[in-house]
Amino acid sequence: MAITVSDVEALESKGWQSLDATTKQDLLDDAKAERNTLYSGRVARTPVLDGDEAVFIKNLTAHKWELAEGGEAQSESQTGGNTSYNLANAEPREYLTETRFGRTCLEHLDQRQGIGIVRSY
């Protein structure tokens, strides 16, 4: 899957201008790795991603970029002078609720039941 920084930048008109190219690429690589570990069916009791994997990775990357810039703005004046951010320290599942991109990722995860492994003797 060849998702690039440009693919993710297309999700937001401002393009996360305060992040340098190296940071953006590093966080994209993190999102791809997490897709194959945290959000895969190989991990017990973790929701399995169902649907378009590329959309999930782009939104997870955008979520990470948004947090790297200080979080999603909760309110912002038209002149750009005042901005408030939601900087909740959340549980792992709540972590994805901190930005609109993370909430999109949750929608992908919530569409499918979690898988659990039960060992009996």
C-alpha atoms as a PDB file:
ATOM      1  CA  MET A   1       0.000   0.000   0.000  1.00  0.00           C
ATOM      2  CA  ALA A   2       1.646   3.180  -1.186  1.00  0.00           C
ATOM      3  CA  ILE A   3       0.091   5.932   0.920  1.00  0.00           C
ATOM      4  CA  THR A   4       2.165   9.105   0.789  1.00  0.00           C
ATOM      5  CA  VAL A   5       2.391  12.288   2.830  1.00  0.00           C
ATOM      6  CA  SER A   6       0.591  14.080  -0.034  1.00  0.00           C
ATOM      7  CA  ASP A   7      -2.330  11.644   0.237  1.00  0.00           C
ATOM      8  CA  VAL A   8      -2.796  12.550   3.897  1.00  0.00           C
ATOM      9  CA  GLU A   9      -2.269  16.294   3.335  1.00  0.00           C
ATOM     10  CA  ALA A  10      -5.248  16.203   0.953  1.00  0.00           C
ATOM     11  CA  LEU A  11      -7.538  15.519   3.943  1.00  0.00           C
ATOM     12  CA  GLU A  12      -7.073  19.043   5.335  1.00  0.00           C
ATOM     13  CA  SER A  13      -6.945  22.332   3.457  1.00  0.00           C
ATOM     14  CA  LYS A  14      -4.251  23.770   5.755  1.00  0.00           C
ATOM     15  CA  GLY A  15      -2.103  20.657   5.338  1.00  0.00           C
ATOM     16  CA  TRP A  16      -0.552  20.732   8.830  1.00  0.00           C
ATOM     17  CA  GLN A  17       1.866  23.464   7.829  1.00  0.00           C
ATOM     18  CA  SER A  18       3.683  23.587  11.170  1.00  0.00           C
ATOM     19  CA  LEU A  19       4.968  20.007  10.818  1.00  0.00           C
ATOM     20  CA  ASP A  20       8.135  19.376   8.842  1.00  0.00           C
ATOM     21  CA  ALA A  21       8.318  16.687   6.155  1.00  0.00           C
ATOM     22  CA  THR A  22      10.361  14.315   8.329  1.00  0.00           C
ATOM     23  CA  THR A  23       7.843  14.425  11.178  1.00  0.00           C
ATOM     24  CA  LYS A  24       4.968  13.867   8.772  1.00  0.00           C
ATOM     25  CA  GLN A  25       6.701  10.855   7.212  1.00  0.00           C
ATOM     26  CA  ASP A  26       7.632   9.401  10.614  1.00  0.00           C
ATOM     27  CA  LEU A  27       4.031   9.638  11.830  1.00  0.00           C
ATOM     28  CA  LEU A  28       2.756   8.116   8.576  1.00  0.00           C
ATOM     29  CA  ASP A  29       5.159   5.206   9.081  1.00  0.00           C
ATOM     30  CA  ASP A  30       3.902   4.851  12.679  1.00  0.00           C
ATOM     31  CA  ALA A  31       0.291   4.724  11.483  1.00  0.00           C
ATOM     32  CA  LYS A  32       1.134   2.020   8.931  1.00  0.00           C
ATOM     33  CA  ALA A  33       2.911  -0.035  11.596  1.00  0.00           C
ATOM     34  CA  GLU A  34       0.044   0.372  14.073  1.00  0.00           C
ATOM     35  CA  ARG A  35      -2.397  -0.788  11.401  1.00  0.00           C
ATOM     36  CA  ASN A  36      -0.480  -4.045  11.194  1.00  0.00           C
ATOM     37  CA  THR A  37      -0.127  -4.499  14.959  1.00  0.00           C
ATOM     38  CA  LEU A  38      -2.616  -2.636  17.161  1.00  0.00           C
ATOM     39  CA  TYR A  39      -5.454  -2.704  14.649  1.00  0.00           C
ATOM     40  CA  SER A  40      -5.009  -6.183  13.181  1.00  0.00           C
ATOM     41  CA  GLY A  41      -6.783  -9.445  13.857  1.00  0.00           C
ATOM     42  CA  ARG A  42      -3.615 -10.972  15.298  1.00  0.00           C
ATOM     43  CA  VAL A  43      -4.101  -9.223  18.632  1.00  0.00           C
ATOM     44  CA  ALA A  44      -6.622 -10.761  21.035  1.00  0.00           C
ATOM     45  CA  ARG A  45      -9.659  -8.684  22.002  1.00  0.00           C
ATOM     46  CA  THR A  46      -8.741  -5.877  19.617  1.00  0.00           C
ATOM     47  CA  PRO A  47     -11.269  -4.769  17.009  1.00  0.00           C
ATOM     48  CA  VAL A  48     -10.446  -5.904  13.514  1.00  0.00           C
ATOM     49  CA  LEU A  49     -10.364  -3.293  10.810  1.00  0.00           C
ATOM     50  CA  ASP A  50     -13.025  -3.917   8.223  1.00  0.00           C
ATOM     51  CA  GLY A  51     -13.265  -1.901   5.052  1.00  0.00           C
ATOM     52  CA  ASP A  52     -10.863   0.342   3.201  1.00  0.00           C
ATOM     53  CA  GLU A  53      -7.452   0.026   4.804  1.00  0.00           C
ATOM     54  CA  ALA A  54      -6.060   3.048   2.951  1.00  0.00           C
ATOM     55  CA  VAL A  55      -8.790   5.324   4.340  1.00  0.00           C
ATOM     56  CA  PHE A  56      -8.053   4.070   7.849  1.00  0.00           C
ATOM     57  CA  ILE A  57      -4.300   4.666   7.544  1.00  0.00           C
ATOM     58  CA  LYS A  58      -4.772   8.166   6.084  1.00  0.00           C
ATOM     59  CA  ASN A  59      -7.123   9.128   8.908  1.00  0.00           C
ATOM     60  CA  LEU A  60      -4.919   7.582  11.594  1.00  0.00           C
ATOM     61  CA  THR A  61      -1.962   9.538  10.203  1.00  0.00           C
ATOM     62  CA  ALA A  62      -4.005  12.758  10.078  1.00  0.00           C
ATOM     63  CA  HIS A  63      -5.051  12.088  13.688  1.00  0.00           C
ATOM     64  CA  LYS A  64      -1.389  11.798  14.707  1.00  0.00           C
ATOM     65  CA  TRP A  65      -0.480  14.957  12.799  1.00  0.00           C
ATOM     66  CA  GLU A  66      -3.338  16.861  14.417  1.00  0.00           C
ATOM     67  CA  LEU A  67      -2.153  15.820  17.875  1.00  0.00           C
ATOM     68  CA  ALA A  68       1.450  16.682  16.995  1.00  0.00           C
ATOM     69  CA  GLU A  69       0.277  20.229  16.265  1.00  0.00           C
ATOM     70  CA  GLY A  70      -1.352  20.493  19.680  1.00  0.00           C
ATOM     71  CA  GLY A  71      -4.687  18.791  19.133  1.00  0.00           C
ATOM     72  CA  GLU A  72      -7.870  19.566  17.306  1.00  0.00           C
ATOM     73  CA  ALA A  73      -9.040  23.146  17.715  1.00  0.00           C
ATOM     74  CA  GLN A  74     -12.297  23.275  19.653  1.00  0.00           C
ATOM     75  CA  SER A  75     -12.886  26.887  18.744  1.00  0.00           C
ATOM     76  CA  GLU A  76     -10.986  29.425  16.719  1.00  0.00           C
ATOM     77  CA  SER A  77     -11.598  33.086  15.973  1.00  0.00           C
ATOM     78  CA  GLN A  78     -11.905  34.159  12.349  1.00  0.00           C
ATOM     79  CA  THR A  79      -8.856  36.406  12.707  1.00  0.00           C
ATOM     80  CA  GLY A  80      -6.768  33.517  14.033  1.00  0.00           C
ATOM     81  CA  GLY A  81      -5.889  35.294  17.267  1.00  0.00           C
ATOM     82  CA  ASN A  82      -7.575  32.919  19.714  1.00  0.00           C
ATOM     83  CA  THR A  83      -7.668  29.137  19.548  1.00  0.00           C
ATOM     84  CA  SER A  84      -8.759  26.618  22.181  1.00  0.00           C
ATOM     85  CA  TYR A  85      -7.688  22.972  22.097  1.00  0.00           C
ATOM     86  CA  ASN A  86      -9.056  19.797  23.587  1.00  0.00           C
ATOM     87  CA  LEU A  87      -6.032  18.140  25.183  1.00  0.00           C
ATOM     88  CA  ALA A  88      -7.568  15.219  27.030  1.00  0.00           C
ATOM     89  CA  ASN A  89      -5.307  12.544  28.458  1.00  0.00           C
ATOM     90  CA  ALA A  90      -7.435   9.610  27.464  1.00  0.00           C
ATOM     91  CA  GLU A  91      -7.619   5.849  27.629  1.00  0.00           C
ATOM     92  CA  PRO A  92      -6.380   4.091  24.483  1.00  0.00           C
ATOM     93  CA  ARG A  93      -9.841   3.852  22.887  1.00  0.00           C
ATOM     94  CA  GLU A  94     -10.647   7.424  23.872  1.00  0.00           C
ATOM     95  CA  TYR A  95      -7.359   8.509  22.281  1.00  0.00           C
ATOM     96  CA  LEU A  96      -9.002   8.193  18.868  1.00  0.00           C
ATOM     97  CA  THR A  97     -11.900  10.437  19.923  1.00  0.00           C
ATOM     98  CA  GLU A  98      -9.591  13.447  20.345  1.00  0.00           C
ATOM     99  CA  THR A  99      -9.738  14.455  16.657  1.00  0.00           C
ATOM    100  CA  ARG A 100     -12.234  14.163  13.813  1.00  0.00           C
ATOM    101  CA  PHE A 101      -9.766  11.942  11.960  1.00  0.00           C
ATOM    102  CA  GLY A 102      -9.485   9.595  14.933  1.00  0.00           C
ATOM    103  CA  ARG A 103     -13.263   9.421  15.164  1.00  0.00           C
ATOM    104  CA  THR A 104     -13.315   8.325  11.521  1.00  0.00           C
ATOM    105  CA  CYS A 105     -10.885   5.536  12.448  1.00  0.00           C
ATOM    106  CA  LEU A 106     -13.220   4.476  15.255  1.00  0.00           C
ATOM    107  CA  GLU A 107     -16.079   4.240  12.776  1.00  0.00           C
ATOM    108  CA  HIS A 108     -14.050   1.702  10.813  1.00  0.00           C
ATOM    109  CA  LEU A 109     -13.278  -0.263  13.964  1.00  0.00           C
ATOM    110  CA  ASP A 110     -16.819  -0.132  15.358  1.00  0.00           C
ATOM    111  CA  GLN A 111     -18.309  -1.657  12.233  1.00  0.00           C
ATOM    112  CA  ARG A 112     -16.990  -5.046  13.222  1.00  0.00           C
ATOM    113  CA  GLN A 113     -17.123  -7.040  16.428  1.00  0.00           C
ATOM    114  CA  GLY A 114     -13.908  -7.513  18.377  1.00  0.00           C
ATOM    115  CA  ILE A 115     -12.193 -10.881  18.392  1.00  0.00           C
ATOM    116  CA  GLY A 116     -11.273 -12.594  21.637  1.00  0.00           C
ATOM    117  CA  ILE A 117      -9.245 -15.716  22.284  1.00  0.00           C
ATOM    118  CA  VAL A 118     -10.429 -18.063  24.986  1.00  0.00           C
ATOM    119  CA  ARG A 119      -8.307 -21.000  26.112  1.00  0.00           C
ATOM    120  CA  SER A 120     -10.043 -23.897  27.850  1.00  0.00           C
ATOM    121  CA  TYR A 121      -8.594 -27.043  29.318  1.00  0.00           C
END
